[in-house]
Amino acid sequence: MHIKQLISFVTVARNKNMAQTALALNYSHSTIFGHLEALEKEYNTKLYYRTSHGIELTPKGEILLEYAKKFVELYDESCTALSEIKQTILRVGASESGDVCFMHEILREYLQTAPTVELEYVKMTSDISVSKLIAGTCDVAVICEFDFHPDDLYARYLGTLPLAFVTAPAYLRTLHEQKNSALPTLLGTMKMPVAVRMLQSVGLEFGDCFSALSNIGDLETIRQLLYFNRGVALLPKMYVERDLREGTLVQLPKMKQEPWLDAFIVTPSRHRIGPHTKGLIDLAFQRYNPDFLQSGNILEQRRGM
C-alpha cells in the first residue's frame, strides 16, 4: 500500500468520478483504477461500486475512507516535521468568480513584487480546485461558493461577493410587456441545487421566478448573452458595476434581494505553506481583508463577522 493509492481513494470518494480524479491528480484514468484495484487486493474486499450517479463506496470502503484520511493527514504532518519547506514553483487555482473578481488584481500585484517566481495559474471549477488541493497538485486557490464547507482543507475567509439579478434593458421591457408569458431563464455559474438554495436564502422560490437554469460556467459568456437579450443572470455586483452604471445592464426592480458568495483562500493544510504561497496569501488579505485574523479557519470567520 502506498500513500498515492490512498490519496487517489480519498479523491475518488469525494468526486465520485474517476475521470475527474485523474484530472485533479494529473494521472491517467487507468492509473486511478490501478490504485483502487491495488487497495482492494491489499484489503481483500470490495471498496466501491459504480452507479448512475458515479462512484459510491461500499460499507467497507466507508470504513477505509476514515483511516485513509488519517493516513494522508499524518503523512502531511510528517513532511512538515521532517523537512524545511522549499518552494520552487507556485501553483494557483481559482473558481470562475474568484478568477474575475479577485485573482486578476492579486496576480498583477504579486508578479510586480515577485517577478522571478515560476507561477502556474489555472481557472477551474471549485470541485477540481478542491481535488487538486487535496492531492497536493495545487498550492493555493481562491474559491467563491455559496455555503462552502470543504473537508480536509484549510480555508480562510477572504470576503463576500454580493450578487445581483441583472438583464438587458430591452429584455426587461419584454418581461414587463409579457407579464403572463413564460418565466425567464436564469443564467449563472452554479448547478440547480445551489441555485435553489441561493434563492431560498433571500426568500425566493426558483420555480416562482424562473423557468429553467442555464449553467454557463463563464462570466463573460453570460454577459454577452445578456447583451443579446437571452435571459436574466445572477452575477457578482462588482463584475457588472460598470454595466449598471452605464445602463447596458439593469438590475431587476422586483428582485433587489442580494444572494451572495463567500470567497475563501484555501490551502491543503494550515502548516504546509511555502514562502511563495504565503506571499500571495498575505497580498490577498492586505488588499481585500486586512482586518482578517489569519489564524481563523472557515468556521471562525464568516460573512458579516
Protein backbone atom coordinates (compact mmCIF):
# COMPACT_ATOMS: atom_id res chain seq x y z
CA MET A 1 0.00 0.00 0.00
CA HIS A 2 1.32 3.44 -0.99
CA ILE A 3 0.28 6.93 0.04
CA LYS A 4 -0.53 7.75 -3.61
CA GLN A 5 -3.10 4.97 -3.63
CA LEU A 6 -4.76 6.36 -0.51
CA ILE A 7 -4.79 9.88 -1.96
CA SER A 8 -6.47 8.52 -5.09
CA PHE A 9 -9.01 6.67 -2.97
CA VAL A 10 -9.86 9.75 -0.88
CA THR A 11 -10.19 11.88 -4.01
CA VAL A 12 -12.44 9.37 -5.78
CA ALA A 13 -14.62 9.19 -2.66
CA ARG A 14 -15.04 12.97 -2.80
CA ASN A 15 -15.55 13.35 -6.56
CA LYS A 16 -17.45 10.10 -7.19
CA ASN A 17 -15.81 10.16 -10.59
CA MET A 18 -12.55 8.55 -11.78
CA ALA A 19 -12.06 10.83 -14.78
CA GLN A 20 -12.36 13.95 -12.62
CA THR A 21 -9.99 12.40 -10.08
CA ALA A 22 -7.46 11.65 -12.82
CA LEU A 23 -7.64 15.28 -13.96
CA ALA A 24 -7.20 16.57 -10.41
CA LEU A 25 -4.23 14.32 -9.64
CA ASN A 26 -2.55 14.57 -13.06
CA TYR A 27 -2.82 10.81 -13.52
CA SER A 28 -4.32 8.73 -16.29
CA HIS A 29 -7.71 7.09 -15.77
CA SER A 30 -6.00 3.68 -15.79
CA THR A 31 -3.62 4.77 -13.01
CA ILE A 32 -6.54 5.76 -10.75
CA PHE A 33 -8.25 2.46 -11.48
CA GLY A 34 -4.98 0.64 -10.71
CA HIS A 35 -4.63 2.41 -7.35
CA LEU A 36 -8.14 1.39 -6.30
CA GLU A 37 -7.65 -2.14 -7.57
CA ALA A 38 -4.42 -2.44 -5.56
CA LEU A 39 -6.22 -1.34 -2.39
CA GLU A 40 -8.98 -3.87 -2.94
CA LYS A 41 -6.36 -6.60 -3.30
CA GLU A 42 -4.50 -5.30 -0.24
CA TYR A 43 -7.64 -5.50 1.93
CA ASN A 44 -9.22 -8.41 0.06
CA THR A 45 -12.61 -6.66 -0.10
CA LYS A 46 -14.77 -4.61 -2.44
CA LEU A 47 -14.33 -0.90 -1.70
CA TYR A 48 -16.58 0.77 -4.27
CA TYR A 49 -19.19 0.22 -6.95
CA ARG A 50 -20.49 2.19 -9.91
CA THR A 51 -23.95 3.76 -10.06
CA SER A 52 -25.74 6.07 -12.47
CA HIS A 53 -24.58 8.93 -10.24
CA GLY A 54 -20.92 7.89 -10.23
CA ILE A 55 -18.68 6.02 -7.78
CA GLU A 56 -20.12 5.03 -4.40
CA LEU A 57 -18.24 3.39 -1.53
CA THR A 58 -19.23 0.08 -0.02
CA PRO A 59 -19.63 -0.12 3.77
CA LYS A 60 -16.05 -1.42 3.95
CA GLY A 61 -14.97 1.43 1.68
CA GLU A 62 -16.53 3.94 4.06
CA ILE A 63 -14.54 2.43 6.93
CA LEU A 64 -11.30 2.60 4.93
CA LEU A 65 -12.05 6.21 3.97
CA GLU A 66 -11.83 7.36 7.59
CA TYR A 67 -8.49 5.64 8.04
CA ALA A 68 -7.21 6.85 4.66
CA LYS A 69 -7.91 10.47 5.61
CA LYS A 70 -5.91 9.97 8.81
CA PHE A 71 -3.03 8.36 6.90
CA VAL A 72 -2.91 11.26 4.44
CA GLU A 73 -3.08 13.80 7.26
CA LEU A 74 -0.27 12.07 9.16
CA TYR A 75 1.80 11.93 6.00
CA ASP A 76 1.26 15.65 5.54
CA GLU A 77 2.30 16.34 9.13
CA SER A 78 5.38 14.14 8.84
CA CYS A 79 6.53 16.00 5.73
CA THR A 80 6.17 19.26 7.61
CA ALA A 81 8.06 17.95 10.64
CA LEU A 82 10.96 16.36 8.77
CA SER A 83 11.68 18.81 6.02
CA GLU A 84 12.13 22.51 5.59
CA ILE A 85 9.52 23.69 3.11
CA LYS A 86 11.23 24.76 -0.09
CA GLN A 87 9.13 26.05 -2.93
CA THR A 88 10.40 26.38 -6.48
CA ILE A 89 7.02 26.93 -8.15
CA LEU A 90 3.71 28.49 -7.09
CA ARG A 91 0.62 26.62 -8.34
CA VAL A 92 -2.54 28.70 -8.06
CA GLY A 93 -6.16 27.96 -8.92
CA ALA A 94 -9.43 29.88 -8.80
CA SER A 95 -13.10 29.33 -9.42
CA GLU A 96 -14.80 31.43 -12.12
CA SER A 97 -15.91 34.22 -9.78
CA GLY A 98 -12.64 34.03 -7.84
CA ASP A 99 -10.72 34.46 -11.09
CA VAL A 100 -12.62 37.52 -12.30
CA CYS A 101 -13.34 39.27 -9.01
CA PHE A 102 -10.09 38.65 -7.11
CA MET A 103 -7.25 36.93 -8.94
CA HIS A 104 -6.69 39.40 -11.79
CA GLU A 105 -5.72 42.14 -9.33
CA ILE A 106 -3.91 39.82 -6.92
CA LEU A 107 -1.73 38.25 -9.60
CA ARG A 108 -0.93 41.59 -11.22
CA GLU A 109 0.34 42.97 -7.90
CA TYR A 110 2.06 39.73 -6.91
CA LEU A 111 4.06 39.49 -10.13
CA GLN A 112 5.22 43.07 -9.65
CA THR A 113 6.64 42.17 -6.23
CA ALA A 114 7.95 38.71 -7.18
CA PRO A 115 8.75 38.80 -10.92
CA THR A 116 11.15 35.83 -10.81
CA VAL A 117 8.72 33.34 -9.23
CA GLU A 118 7.74 30.49 -11.52
CA LEU A 119 3.95 30.55 -11.42
CA GLU A 120 1.24 28.26 -12.78
CA TYR A 121 -2.27 29.68 -12.70
CA VAL A 122 -5.39 27.77 -13.78
CA LYS A 123 -9.05 28.75 -13.68
CA MET A 124 -11.09 25.66 -12.77
CA THR A 125 -14.29 24.58 -11.11
CA SER A 126 -14.42 24.53 -7.34
CA ASP A 127 -14.61 20.71 -7.33
CA ILE A 128 -11.41 20.44 -9.36
CA SER A 129 -9.70 23.05 -7.19
CA VAL A 130 -10.57 21.12 -4.03
CA SER A 131 -9.39 17.84 -5.56
CA LYS A 132 -6.08 19.34 -6.67
CA LEU A 133 -5.53 20.91 -3.25
CA ILE A 134 -6.14 17.58 -1.52
CA ALA A 135 -3.86 15.83 -3.98
CA GLY A 136 -1.08 18.38 -3.47
CA THR A 137 -1.05 19.46 -7.14
CA CYS A 138 -2.24 22.97 -6.25
CA ASP A 139 -0.72 25.17 -3.53
CA VAL A 140 -3.50 27.72 -3.04
CA ALA A 141 -6.88 28.52 -4.57
CA VAL A 142 -9.43 31.31 -4.34
CA ILE A 143 -12.84 29.65 -4.22
CA CYS A 144 -16.11 31.59 -4.29
CA GLU A 145 -19.11 29.47 -3.37
CA PHE A 146 -22.43 29.60 -1.58
CA ASP A 147 -22.39 27.59 1.67
CA PHE A 148 -18.85 26.28 1.13
CA HIS A 149 -17.75 23.58 3.60
CA PRO A 150 -14.60 21.80 2.42
CA ASP A 151 -13.37 18.73 4.23
CA ASP A 152 -9.70 18.09 4.91
CA LEU A 153 -8.58 21.55 3.77
CA TYR A 154 -7.72 24.83 5.44
CA ALA A 155 -9.98 27.67 4.27
CA ARG A 156 -9.70 31.30 5.36
CA TYR A 157 -12.46 33.83 4.73
CA LEU A 158 -11.41 36.48 2.21
CA GLY A 159 -14.62 38.38 1.60
CA THR A 160 -18.23 38.32 0.45
CA LEU A 161 -19.47 38.86 -3.10
CA PRO A 162 -22.99 40.30 -3.26
CA LEU A 163 -24.85 39.02 -6.32
CA ALA A 164 -27.47 40.83 -8.39
CA PHE A 165 -30.21 39.73 -10.79
CA VAL A 166 -29.43 41.63 -13.99
CA THR A 167 -30.60 41.72 -17.60
CA ALA A 168 -30.54 43.95 -20.68
CA PRO A 169 -32.92 46.95 -20.68
CA ALA A 170 -34.68 45.64 -23.81
CA TYR A 171 -35.24 42.24 -22.22
CA LEU A 172 -36.64 43.89 -19.08
CA ARG A 173 -39.14 45.77 -21.24
CA THR A 174 -40.12 42.48 -22.85
CA LEU A 175 -40.74 40.95 -19.42
CA HIS A 176 -42.97 43.90 -18.48
CA GLU A 177 -44.94 43.63 -21.74
CA GLN A 178 -45.45 39.87 -21.41
CA LYS A 179 -46.47 39.61 -17.78
CA ASN A 180 -48.41 36.38 -18.24
CA SER A 181 -45.93 34.65 -20.54
CA ALA A 182 -43.36 32.04 -19.60
CA LEU A 183 -40.85 32.88 -16.90
CA PRO A 184 -37.30 33.81 -17.98
CA THR A 185 -34.27 31.53 -17.94
CA LEU A 186 -31.68 32.17 -15.23
CA LEU A 187 -28.08 32.30 -16.44
CA GLY A 188 -25.42 31.51 -13.87
CA THR A 189 -22.30 29.57 -12.97
CA MET A 190 -23.98 27.23 -10.49
CA LYS A 191 -25.86 23.95 -10.61
CA MET A 192 -29.59 23.75 -9.93
CA PRO A 193 -29.43 22.62 -6.26
CA VAL A 194 -27.13 25.54 -5.45
CA ALA A 195 -29.31 27.99 -7.37
CA VAL A 196 -32.38 26.82 -5.45
CA ARG A 197 -30.64 27.26 -2.09
CA MET A 198 -29.28 30.67 -3.04
CA LEU A 199 -32.71 31.96 -3.95
CA GLN A 200 -34.24 30.46 -0.82
CA SER A 201 -31.62 32.29 1.27
CA VAL A 202 -33.29 35.58 0.24
CA GLY A 203 -36.87 34.30 0.42
CA LEU A 204 -37.37 33.38 -3.25
CA GLU A 205 -38.52 30.11 -4.81
CA PHE A 206 -36.81 29.20 -8.06
CA GLY A 207 -39.99 27.98 -9.76
CA ASP A 208 -41.78 31.24 -8.97
CA CYS A 209 -39.10 33.33 -10.66
CA PHE A 210 -37.52 31.27 -13.45
CA SER A 211 -38.47 28.58 -15.95
CA ALA A 212 -35.03 26.99 -16.24
CA LEU A 213 -31.34 27.32 -15.36
CA SER A 214 -28.50 27.59 -17.84
CA ASN A 215 -25.24 26.70 -16.07
CA ILE A 216 -22.79 28.54 -18.34
CA GLY A 217 -19.65 28.49 -16.20
CA ASP A 218 -18.08 31.58 -17.74
CA LEU A 219 -18.99 35.10 -16.62
CA GLU A 220 -18.01 36.85 -19.84
CA THR A 221 -20.12 34.45 -21.91
CA ILE A 222 -23.08 35.14 -19.64
CA ARG A 223 -22.62 38.89 -20.04
CA GLN A 224 -22.54 38.57 -23.82
CA LEU A 225 -25.74 36.52 -23.76
CA LEU A 226 -27.40 39.25 -21.71
CA TYR A 227 -26.41 41.85 -24.30
CA PHE A 228 -28.34 39.76 -26.85
CA ASN A 229 -31.48 39.59 -24.65
CA ARG A 230 -31.11 35.92 -23.76
CA GLY A 231 -32.38 35.95 -20.16
CA VAL A 232 -31.71 37.07 -16.60
CA ALA A 233 -28.38 36.42 -14.87
CA LEU A 234 -27.23 36.22 -11.28
CA LEU A 235 -23.78 37.82 -11.29
CA PRO A 236 -21.36 39.40 -8.80
CA LYS A 237 -22.26 43.09 -8.46
CA MET A 238 -18.62 44.12 -8.67
CA TYR A 239 -18.37 42.33 -12.04
CA VAL A 240 -21.30 44.27 -13.57
CA GLU A 241 -20.71 47.59 -11.79
CA ARG A 242 -19.72 49.36 -14.97
CA ASP A 243 -22.63 47.91 -16.95
CA LEU A 244 -25.11 49.04 -14.31
CA ARG A 245 -23.54 52.50 -14.17
CA GLU A 246 -23.59 52.89 -17.96
CA GLY A 247 -27.05 51.35 -18.37
CA THR A 248 -26.05 48.47 -20.64
CA LEU A 249 -27.45 46.16 -17.97
CA VAL A 250 -30.11 46.84 -15.34
CA GLN A 251 -30.98 45.22 -12.04
CA LEU A 252 -34.42 43.65 -11.85
CA PRO A 253 -36.56 46.11 -9.84
CA LYS A 254 -38.66 43.39 -8.19
CA MET A 255 -35.63 41.28 -7.21
CA LYS A 256 -33.48 43.62 -5.14
CA GLN A 257 -32.62 40.88 -2.69
CA GLU A 258 -28.95 40.05 -2.88
CA PRO A 259 -27.74 36.48 -2.55
CA TRP A 260 -24.02 36.20 -2.02
CA LEU A 261 -20.95 34.09 -2.50
CA ASP A 262 -18.32 33.71 0.21
CA ALA A 263 -14.74 33.91 -1.04
CA PHE A 264 -12.04 31.82 0.61
CA ILE A 265 -8.30 31.38 0.33
CA VAL A 266 -7.86 27.60 0.51
CA THR A 267 -4.65 25.65 1.11
CA PRO A 268 -4.06 21.91 1.58
CA SER A 269 -3.22 22.39 5.24
CA ARG A 270 -2.64 25.08 7.83
CA HIS A 271 1.07 24.46 8.19
CA ARG A 272 2.47 23.23 4.86
CA ILE A 273 2.62 26.61 3.18
CA GLY A 274 5.68 27.53 1.17
CA PRO A 275 7.16 31.04 1.13
CA HIS A 276 5.76 31.91 -2.32
CA THR A 277 2.30 30.71 -1.28
CA LYS A 278 2.48 32.76 1.90
CA GLY A 279 3.48 35.83 -0.08
CA LEU A 280 0.44 35.57 -2.34
CA ILE A 281 -1.91 34.88 0.61
CA ASP A 282 -0.59 37.88 2.53
CA LEU A 283 -1.07 40.10 -0.51
CA ALA A 284 -4.65 38.87 -0.98
CA PHE A 285 -5.58 39.70 2.61
CA GLN A 286 -3.79 43.06 2.54
CA ARG A 287 -5.86 44.03 -0.48
CA TYR A 288 -9.27 42.51 0.29
CA ASN A 289 -9.48 41.79 4.02
CA PRO A 290 -6.72 43.48 6.05
CA ASP A 291 -8.57 43.01 9.34
CA PHE A 292 -8.88 39.25 8.98
CA LEU A 293 -7.49 37.15 11.83
CA GLN A 294 -5.25 34.89 9.80
CA SER A 295 -5.28 32.11 12.37
CA GLY A 296 -9.03 31.70 11.80
CA ASN A 297 -10.48 28.80 9.83
CA ILE A 298 -13.63 28.73 7.76
CA LEU A 299 -15.97 28.36 10.72
CA GLU A 300 -14.31 31.12 12.72
CA GLN A 301 -14.61 33.93 10.17
CA ARG A 302 -17.89 34.04 8.30
CA ARG A 303 -19.91 36.53 6.32
CA GLY A 304 -20.71 39.64 8.33
CA MET A 305 -18.21 38.96 11.12
